[in-house]
Protein backbone atom coordinates (compact mmCIF):
# COMPACT_ATOMS: atom_id res chain seq x y z
CA MET A 1 64.31 -116.00 -81.63
CA ALA A 2 63.22 -117.41 -84.99
CA THR A 3 60.22 -119.09 -86.55
CA ASP A 4 60.17 -121.77 -89.25
CA LEU A 5 57.33 -121.34 -91.76
CA LYS A 6 57.73 -124.95 -92.86
CA LYS A 7 56.33 -126.00 -89.47
CA TYR A 8 53.14 -123.97 -89.79
CA LYS A 9 49.81 -125.78 -90.13
CA PHE A 10 46.40 -124.69 -91.37
CA ASN A 11 44.74 -125.93 -88.23
CA HIS A 12 41.06 -125.04 -88.29
CA THR A 13 38.09 -123.11 -89.57
CA MET A 14 35.64 -121.61 -87.08
CA LEU A 15 31.87 -121.59 -87.65
CA ARG A 16 29.25 -120.30 -85.24
CA VAL A 17 26.39 -122.75 -84.67
CA LYS A 18 22.90 -122.35 -83.24
CA ASP A 19 22.48 -125.83 -81.77
CA ALA A 20 25.62 -127.74 -80.82
CA LYS A 21 23.79 -131.05 -80.45
CA LYS A 22 22.42 -130.91 -84.00
CA SER A 23 25.73 -129.78 -85.46
CA LEU A 24 27.70 -132.54 -83.76
CA GLU A 25 25.15 -135.08 -85.04
CA PHE A 26 25.50 -133.77 -88.59
CA TYR A 27 29.29 -133.71 -88.71
CA LYS A 28 29.39 -137.22 -87.24
CA ILE A 29 27.64 -138.31 -90.44
CA LEU A 30 30.58 -136.81 -92.33
CA GLY A 31 33.06 -138.85 -90.32
CA MET A 32 34.10 -136.10 -87.91
CA ASP A 33 34.53 -136.63 -84.16
CA VAL A 34 35.14 -134.21 -81.32
CA VAL A 35 38.87 -134.13 -80.55
CA LYS A 36 38.72 -131.25 -78.06
CA THR A 37 36.03 -129.36 -76.15
CA ILE A 38 36.70 -126.04 -74.44
CA PRO A 39 33.73 -124.93 -72.32
CA ASN A 40 33.56 -121.35 -71.10
CA GLU A 41 30.54 -121.18 -68.80
CA GLU A 42 31.56 -117.81 -67.40
CA ASN A 43 31.13 -116.22 -70.82
CA GLY A 44 28.32 -118.48 -71.99
CA TYR A 45 29.83 -120.49 -74.83
CA SER A 46 31.60 -123.73 -75.70
CA LEU A 47 34.07 -124.57 -78.45
CA TYR A 48 34.05 -127.97 -80.15
CA TYR A 49 37.00 -129.04 -82.29
CA LEU A 50 36.07 -131.73 -84.82
CA ALA A 51 38.34 -133.78 -87.07
CA CYS A 52 38.29 -136.90 -89.20
CA THR A 53 40.19 -139.84 -87.74
CA LEU A 54 43.65 -139.99 -89.25
CA ARG A 55 43.40 -142.91 -91.66
CA ASP A 56 47.15 -143.55 -91.85
CA ASP A 57 46.98 -145.31 -88.48
CA PRO A 58 43.55 -144.84 -86.91
CA ALA A 59 44.40 -147.16 -84.00
CA SER A 60 47.35 -145.06 -82.83
CA PRO A 61 46.94 -142.13 -80.42
CA GLN A 62 45.64 -139.07 -82.22
CA PRO A 63 47.89 -135.98 -82.09
CA HIS A 64 47.20 -132.87 -80.03
CA TRP A 65 44.51 -130.79 -81.72
CA SER A 66 46.93 -127.91 -82.28
CA ALA A 67 49.25 -130.21 -84.24
CA ARG A 68 46.58 -131.21 -86.72
CA GLU A 69 45.15 -129.83 -89.93
CA GLY A 70 41.61 -130.05 -91.23
CA ILE A 71 39.79 -129.23 -87.99
CA ILE A 72 36.42 -127.51 -87.81
CA GLU A 73 35.83 -125.41 -84.70
CA LEU A 74 32.16 -125.03 -83.81
CA THR A 75 31.38 -122.09 -81.54
CA TRP A 76 28.10 -122.44 -79.66
CA ASN A 77 26.72 -119.52 -77.67
CA TYR A 78 24.46 -120.93 -74.99
CA GLY A 79 20.75 -120.38 -75.45
CA THR A 80 20.64 -119.72 -79.19
CA GLU A 81 19.11 -123.15 -79.77
CA SER A 82 16.03 -122.25 -77.74
CA ASP A 83 15.72 -118.54 -78.52
CA PRO A 84 12.70 -117.97 -80.82
CA ALA A 85 13.99 -114.50 -81.66
CA PHE A 86 17.32 -115.82 -82.94
CA ALA A 87 17.15 -115.88 -86.74
CA GLY A 88 20.22 -118.05 -87.28
CA TYR A 89 23.67 -117.53 -88.70
CA HIS A 90 24.71 -116.24 -92.11
CA ASN A 91 26.14 -118.93 -94.42
CA GLY A 92 28.13 -116.51 -96.62
CA ASN A 93 26.48 -117.44 -99.91
CA LYS A 94 24.00 -114.61 -100.09
CA GLU A 95 24.74 -110.94 -99.65
CA PRO A 96 26.90 -109.93 -97.97
CA ARG A 97 29.10 -112.72 -99.31
CA GLY A 98 32.53 -113.81 -98.11
CA PHE A 99 33.07 -117.31 -96.73
CA GLY A 100 31.79 -119.90 -99.19
CA HIS A 101 32.02 -123.47 -97.91
CA ILE A 102 34.02 -126.22 -96.31
CA CYS A 103 34.75 -129.43 -98.21
CA ILE A 104 34.91 -133.11 -97.30
CA SER A 105 36.81 -135.51 -99.55
CA VAL A 106 35.39 -139.04 -99.71
CA ASP A 107 36.38 -142.29 -101.38
CA ASN A 108 33.46 -143.33 -103.60
CA ILE A 109 31.37 -140.24 -104.11
CA GLN A 110 28.11 -141.86 -105.29
CA ALA A 111 28.07 -144.32 -102.39
CA ALA A 112 29.12 -141.60 -99.95
CA CYS A 113 26.36 -139.22 -101.07
CA LEU A 114 23.78 -142.02 -100.86
CA ARG A 115 24.93 -142.82 -97.32
CA ILE A 116 24.79 -139.15 -96.29
CA GLU A 117 21.28 -138.84 -97.70
CA GLU A 118 20.13 -141.99 -95.91
CA GLN A 119 21.70 -140.93 -92.62
CA CYS A 120 20.08 -137.49 -92.83
CA ALA A 121 16.69 -139.05 -93.60
CA ALA A 122 17.02 -141.57 -90.75
CA ARG A 123 16.78 -138.84 -88.10
CA TYR A 124 13.12 -138.38 -89.10
CA ALA A 125 12.26 -142.09 -89.14
CA HIS A 126 10.51 -141.88 -85.77
CA ILE A 127 7.80 -139.70 -87.36
CA THR A 128 5.31 -142.27 -88.61
CA ASP A 129 3.01 -139.96 -90.52
CA GLU A 130 4.47 -139.38 -93.97
CA LYS A 131 3.10 -135.84 -94.33
CA ALA A 132 4.36 -134.81 -90.89
CA ARG A 133 7.73 -136.38 -91.64
CA GLU A 134 8.07 -134.40 -94.86
CA GLU A 135 7.01 -131.19 -93.11
CA ALA A 136 9.69 -131.76 -90.46
CA ARG A 137 12.35 -132.28 -93.13
CA THR A 138 11.23 -129.19 -95.04
CA LYS A 139 11.27 -127.06 -91.89
CA GLU A 140 14.86 -128.07 -91.08
CA VAL A 141 17.52 -125.78 -92.57
CA GLY A 142 20.11 -128.52 -92.95
CA PHE A 143 20.48 -132.29 -93.15
CA LYS A 144 19.68 -132.07 -96.87
CA PHE A 145 21.44 -131.61 -100.19
CA HIS A 146 21.76 -128.15 -101.71
CA LYS A 147 23.10 -129.79 -104.88
CA LYS A 148 23.05 -133.49 -105.62
CA LEU A 149 25.54 -135.15 -107.96
CA THR A 150 22.88 -135.38 -110.64
CA ASP A 151 21.94 -131.69 -110.42
CA GLY A 152 23.35 -129.23 -112.94
CA THR A 153 26.30 -129.82 -115.23
CA MET A 154 28.98 -130.51 -112.59
CA ARG A 155 28.45 -134.21 -111.89
CA SER A 156 31.59 -134.71 -109.80
CA ILE A 157 30.67 -132.52 -106.81
CA ALA A 158 27.74 -132.23 -104.43
CA PHE A 159 26.81 -129.80 -101.66
CA VAL A 160 25.04 -130.79 -98.45
CA LEU A 161 23.73 -128.25 -95.92
CA ASP A 162 24.67 -128.42 -92.25
CA PRO A 163 22.07 -127.49 -89.57
CA ASP A 164 22.93 -123.78 -89.88
CA GLY A 165 22.80 -123.78 -93.65
CA TYR A 166 26.56 -123.72 -94.19
CA TRP A 167 27.52 -125.37 -97.48
CA VAL A 168 29.63 -128.54 -97.28
CA GLU A 169 31.09 -129.59 -100.61
CA ILE A 170 31.60 -133.31 -101.26
CA VAL A 171 34.42 -134.30 -103.63
CA SER A 172 36.50 -137.38 -104.35
CA PRO A 173 39.96 -138.10 -105.79
CA ASN A 174 38.50 -141.13 -107.56
CA PRO A 175 37.02 -140.63 -111.05
CA VAL A 176 33.23 -140.47 -110.96
CA ASP A 177 32.79 -143.19 -113.59
CA GLU A 178 35.02 -145.60 -111.67
CA ALA A 179 33.41 -144.79 -108.33
CA ALA A 180 29.94 -145.44 -109.76
CA VAL A 181 30.46 -149.21 -109.59
CA ALA A 182 31.34 -149.09 -105.88
CA SER A 183 28.45 -149.84 -103.53
CA GLN A 184 30.30 -149.14 -100.29
CA THR A 185 31.99 -146.11 -98.73
CA ASP A 186 34.57 -146.12 -95.95
CA VAL A 187 33.85 -143.26 -93.53
CA GLY A 188 37.32 -143.73 -92.10
CA SER A 189 38.77 -142.51 -95.40
CA TYR A 190 37.01 -139.14 -95.31
CA ARG A 191 39.09 -135.96 -94.96
CA MET A 192 38.30 -132.34 -94.24
CA ASN A 193 39.74 -131.17 -97.53
CA HIS A 194 39.44 -127.39 -97.75
CA THR A 195 37.84 -124.11 -96.75
CA MET A 196 36.74 -121.63 -99.41
CA LEU A 197 37.00 -117.85 -99.06
CA ARG A 198 36.16 -115.28 -101.73
CA ILE A 199 38.86 -112.69 -102.34
CA LYS A 200 38.93 -109.29 -104.00
CA SER A 201 42.49 -109.38 -105.39
CA SER A 202 44.31 -112.58 -106.29
CA VAL A 203 47.60 -110.68 -106.37
CA ALA A 204 47.26 -109.38 -102.82
CA SER A 205 45.87 -112.59 -101.31
CA LEU A 206 48.26 -115.02 -103.01
CA GLY A 207 51.20 -112.87 -102.00
CA PHE A 208 49.96 -112.66 -98.43
CA TYR A 209 49.28 -116.36 -97.89
CA ARG A 210 52.46 -117.46 -99.65
CA GLN A 211 54.97 -114.91 -98.39
CA VAL A 212 53.57 -113.96 -94.99
CA LEU A 213 52.12 -117.31 -93.90
CA GLY A 214 54.35 -119.64 -95.92
CA MET A 215 51.65 -121.54 -97.81
CA GLU A 216 52.32 -123.07 -101.22
CA LEU A 217 50.10 -122.88 -104.29
CA LYS A 218 48.93 -126.43 -104.95
CA ARG A 219 46.42 -126.05 -107.77
CA THR A 220 44.74 -123.40 -109.90
CA HIS A 221 41.64 -123.47 -112.03
CA SER A 222 40.27 -120.66 -114.20
CA SER A 223 36.95 -120.39 -116.00
CA GLU A 224 36.77 -118.05 -118.97
CA GLY A 225 33.03 -118.51 -119.18
CA GLY A 226 32.44 -117.95 -115.48
CA LYS A 227 35.12 -115.27 -115.21
CA PHE A 228 36.62 -116.61 -112.01
CA SER A 229 39.76 -118.35 -110.79
CA LEU A 230 40.27 -120.82 -107.95
CA TYR A 231 43.54 -121.09 -106.05
CA PHE A 232 44.23 -123.98 -103.67
CA LEU A 233 46.95 -123.39 -101.10
CA GLY A 234 48.42 -125.45 -98.30
CA TYR A 235 51.58 -126.40 -96.51
CA THR A 236 54.22 -128.77 -97.89
CA HIS A 237 53.39 -131.63 -95.56
CA ASN A 238 49.66 -131.83 -96.33
CA CYS A 239 49.63 -132.19 -100.10
CA ALA A 240 52.14 -133.29 -102.70
CA SER A 241 52.57 -130.85 -105.54
CA PRO A 242 50.53 -132.12 -108.51
CA PRO A 243 52.21 -132.62 -111.90
CA THR A 244 50.30 -129.70 -113.40
CA PRO A 245 48.44 -126.77 -111.84
CA GLU A 246 45.16 -128.19 -113.19
CA ALA A 247 45.60 -131.67 -111.65
CA SER A 248 42.92 -132.11 -108.99
CA VAL A 249 43.63 -135.63 -107.70
CA ALA A 250 46.50 -134.61 -105.41
CA THR A 251 44.50 -131.79 -103.85
CA HIS A 252 41.35 -133.90 -103.44
CA GLU A 253 43.40 -136.37 -101.37
CA ALA A 254 44.71 -133.63 -99.08
CA THR A 255 43.69 -132.43 -95.64
CA GLY A 256 43.53 -128.78 -94.65
CA LEU A 257 43.75 -126.71 -97.82
CA LEU A 258 42.60 -123.15 -98.38
CA GLU A 259 40.64 -122.38 -101.57
CA LEU A 260 40.62 -118.74 -102.63
CA THR A 261 37.93 -117.79 -105.15
CA HIS A 262 38.58 -114.68 -107.24
CA ASN A 263 35.78 -113.25 -109.35
CA TRP A 264 37.49 -111.28 -112.09
CA GLY A 265 37.22 -107.52 -111.96
CA THR A 266 36.53 -107.09 -108.25
CA GLU A 267 40.12 -105.88 -107.77
CA ASP A 268 39.31 -102.85 -109.95
CA GLN A 269 36.30 -101.77 -107.88
CA PRO A 270 37.55 -99.38 -105.15
CA GLU A 271 34.48 -99.75 -102.90
CA PHE A 272 34.08 -103.49 -103.32
CA GLN A 273 34.63 -105.65 -100.24
CA TYR A 274 33.76 -109.09 -98.92
CA HIS A 275 32.14 -109.79 -95.56
CA HIS A 276 34.56 -111.26 -93.00
CA GLY A 277 31.79 -112.75 -90.83
CA ASN A 278 32.53 -110.99 -87.54
CA ALA A 279 30.10 -108.13 -88.00
CA GLU A 280 26.38 -108.60 -88.53
CA PRO A 281 25.24 -110.83 -90.09
CA ARG A 282 27.63 -113.21 -88.35
CA GLY A 283 28.43 -116.82 -89.18
CA PHE A 284 31.94 -117.82 -90.26
CA GLY A 285 34.46 -116.53 -87.74
CA HIS A 286 38.07 -117.21 -88.71
CA ILE A 287 40.68 -119.60 -89.94
CA CYS A 288 43.61 -120.61 -87.74
CA VAL A 289 47.28 -121.26 -88.39
CA THR A 290 49.34 -122.94 -85.67
CA VAL A 291 53.03 -122.08 -85.50
CA ASP A 292 56.24 -123.48 -84.04
CA ASP A 293 56.98 -120.50 -81.78
CA LEU A 294 54.10 -118.09 -81.15
CA ASP A 295 56.22 -115.24 -79.81
CA ALA A 296 58.72 -115.48 -82.65
CA ALA A 297 56.02 -115.75 -85.32
CA CYS A 298 54.16 -112.69 -84.03
CA GLU A 299 57.40 -110.75 -83.78
CA ARG A 300 58.14 -111.59 -87.42
CA PHE A 301 54.65 -110.50 -88.48
CA SER A 302 55.08 -107.21 -86.64
CA GLN A 303 58.29 -106.49 -88.56
CA ILE A 304 56.87 -107.17 -92.03
CA TRP A 305 56.16 -104.39 -94.51
CA PHE A 306 53.79 -105.50 -97.26
CA ASN A 307 52.72 -103.97 -100.56
CA PHE A 308 49.08 -105.04 -100.84
CA LYS A 309 48.71 -103.75 -104.40
CA GLU A 310 51.65 -105.79 -105.67
CA GLY A 311 51.21 -108.67 -103.22
CA LYS A 312 54.72 -108.87 -101.85
CA ILE A 313 56.89 -108.22 -98.81
CA VAL A 314 58.95 -105.06 -99.26
CA GLU A 315 61.41 -102.94 -97.32
CA GLU A 316 60.27 -100.16 -95.04
CA GLY A 317 59.99 -96.88 -96.91
CA GLN A 318 59.42 -98.43 -100.32
CA PRO A 319 56.38 -97.24 -102.33
CA GLY A 320 53.20 -98.91 -101.12
CA ALA A 321 54.82 -100.37 -98.01
CA GLU A 322 52.30 -100.97 -95.19
CA LYS A 323 52.42 -102.80 -91.91
CA LEU A 324 50.36 -105.96 -91.59
CA ARG A 325 46.97 -105.42 -90.02
CA TRP A 326 46.00 -106.96 -86.71
CA GLN A 327 42.61 -107.64 -85.16
CA LYS A 328 44.39 -108.53 -81.92
CA THR A 329 48.10 -108.53 -81.18
CA LEU A 330 49.58 -111.17 -78.91
CA THR A 331 49.99 -108.66 -76.08
CA GLY A 332 46.62 -106.98 -76.58
CA GLY A 333 43.64 -107.75 -74.37
CA ARG A 334 43.40 -110.41 -71.68
CA MET A 335 44.16 -113.47 -73.81
CA LYS A 336 47.94 -113.57 -74.15
CA ASP A 337 48.15 -116.90 -75.97
CA ILE A 338 46.38 -116.05 -79.23
CA ALA A 339 46.68 -113.35 -81.86
CA PHE A 340 44.57 -112.46 -84.89
CA LEU A 341 46.05 -111.20 -88.14
CA LEU A 342 43.86 -109.71 -90.87
CA ASP A 343 44.30 -110.89 -94.45
CA PRO A 344 43.91 -108.45 -97.39
CA ASP A 345 40.11 -108.90 -97.33
CA GLY A 346 39.82 -108.48 -93.57
CA TYR A 347 39.28 -112.17 -92.80
CA TRP A 348 40.52 -113.02 -89.30
CA ILE A 349 43.45 -115.44 -89.02
CA GLU A 350 44.01 -116.82 -85.55
CA ILE A 351 47.65 -117.52 -84.69
CA VAL A 352 48.16 -120.20 -82.03
CA GLN A 353 51.06 -122.22 -80.65
CA ASN A 354 51.47 -125.79 -81.91
CA GLU A 355 51.64 -127.51 -78.52
CA SER A 356 53.39 -130.59 -79.89
CA ILE A 357 56.42 -128.44 -80.75
CA LYS A 358 56.52 -126.13 -77.75
CA LYS A 359 54.34 -126.20 -74.65
CA ARG A 360 52.57 -122.94 -73.90
CA VAL A 361 48.96 -123.53 -72.87
CA ASP A 362 47.33 -126.51 -71.20
CA TRP A 363 44.40 -126.94 -73.54
C-alpha cells in the first residue's frame, strides 16, 4: 500500500457562514457556482462547495468536486440567519488572529472591481429612498470593499468583504497599467487563487507542507520594512514554477495555492500562538487536501516522525523527533472516510479521498 504525493490536491477551504442564501449570492458575483451540496438535516447543517468554472473547457463536464482545486466550502448551521442573539463569525483579522483571507484572481482588475462594486450595489436598488438605501448598505457587514484599488499605496490589489466579513483579496496576473484600458471583464476567467494563513515559524510550516504534504514552494516575498515574509505553496499541476521566487504572474494565474504569512520574530516567542478557528470565536474551519489513496496516505502520516523546530522529517529516536498531530484519525469517531491532521500552528487539515482516482464514498 503506497501513496503518491504528486497526486495530492489542495481541494478546499472551509468557512462558516451565517446566511447561506446571502453567501451564495455574494460568491456568485465572484464567478463561483455550487458544484456540490451536502445537506445534513439530522445534525442541522448543510455544506456548499463552490468553484469557478474551469476556463480551459467550460462546456465540458466538470470534474468530481474531490478532484478539483480552488473550492470554497461554506458550512451553514441552520437558524443562525434568523437568530438575533447570534453575533456572527470571526473573520480572523482581529484578535485572536489566524486565517487571513481567500483570494480571487481576475483578468482586468479595474473592470472587475467596478463590476463587483456595481453588482453589490444592485442588491439595494429596490430601496427607492436614498437615505434608507445607504442605511441598508451601511448596516450590511459585507457586499462592500474593505480596500479599493485606489486606497493606500498598494494599487494592484483590492479587498472585498463577504456577508460574514471574511476578506476576499482581488488580484490579477495582468499589469495594472495595461488592465486600466480594458473596459470589460470576463467572469469565466476568474480563479480561486489562494488561501492565506498566518504562521508562527516559517521553518516548521514550510517543512511540514513541503515534506509531509508534498507541496512545492512557488513564490516568496519578504518586506524588510514590514518585517514579514509571504510564502506561496501549491502542487506541481496547479502552477508552473516562476523564473524567480519574486515573480508573481505565474502564481496569480494559478488555482488553489496556500499563502503562509510569517511575521518575523513570532517564532522566538514561546507563548505566542495563532487561532485555528475551531474554538471560540469560530469562523474559518479548515483546509482540505485530497489524496490518491486515503488509507495509504493516513498510514504514511502515522509513521512520520517530524522535528518541528528544524522543519523536517527525521528518524524515530532522533533529537526533537515527534509524531504528527491529529485532530481526528481515520479510524476515530463515526466518520471513517475523513481524517484531520494538525499543522504546526494547529490549523486543521482535512484529508479526503480523491474520488476520481479511487472510489470510496458516494458523495
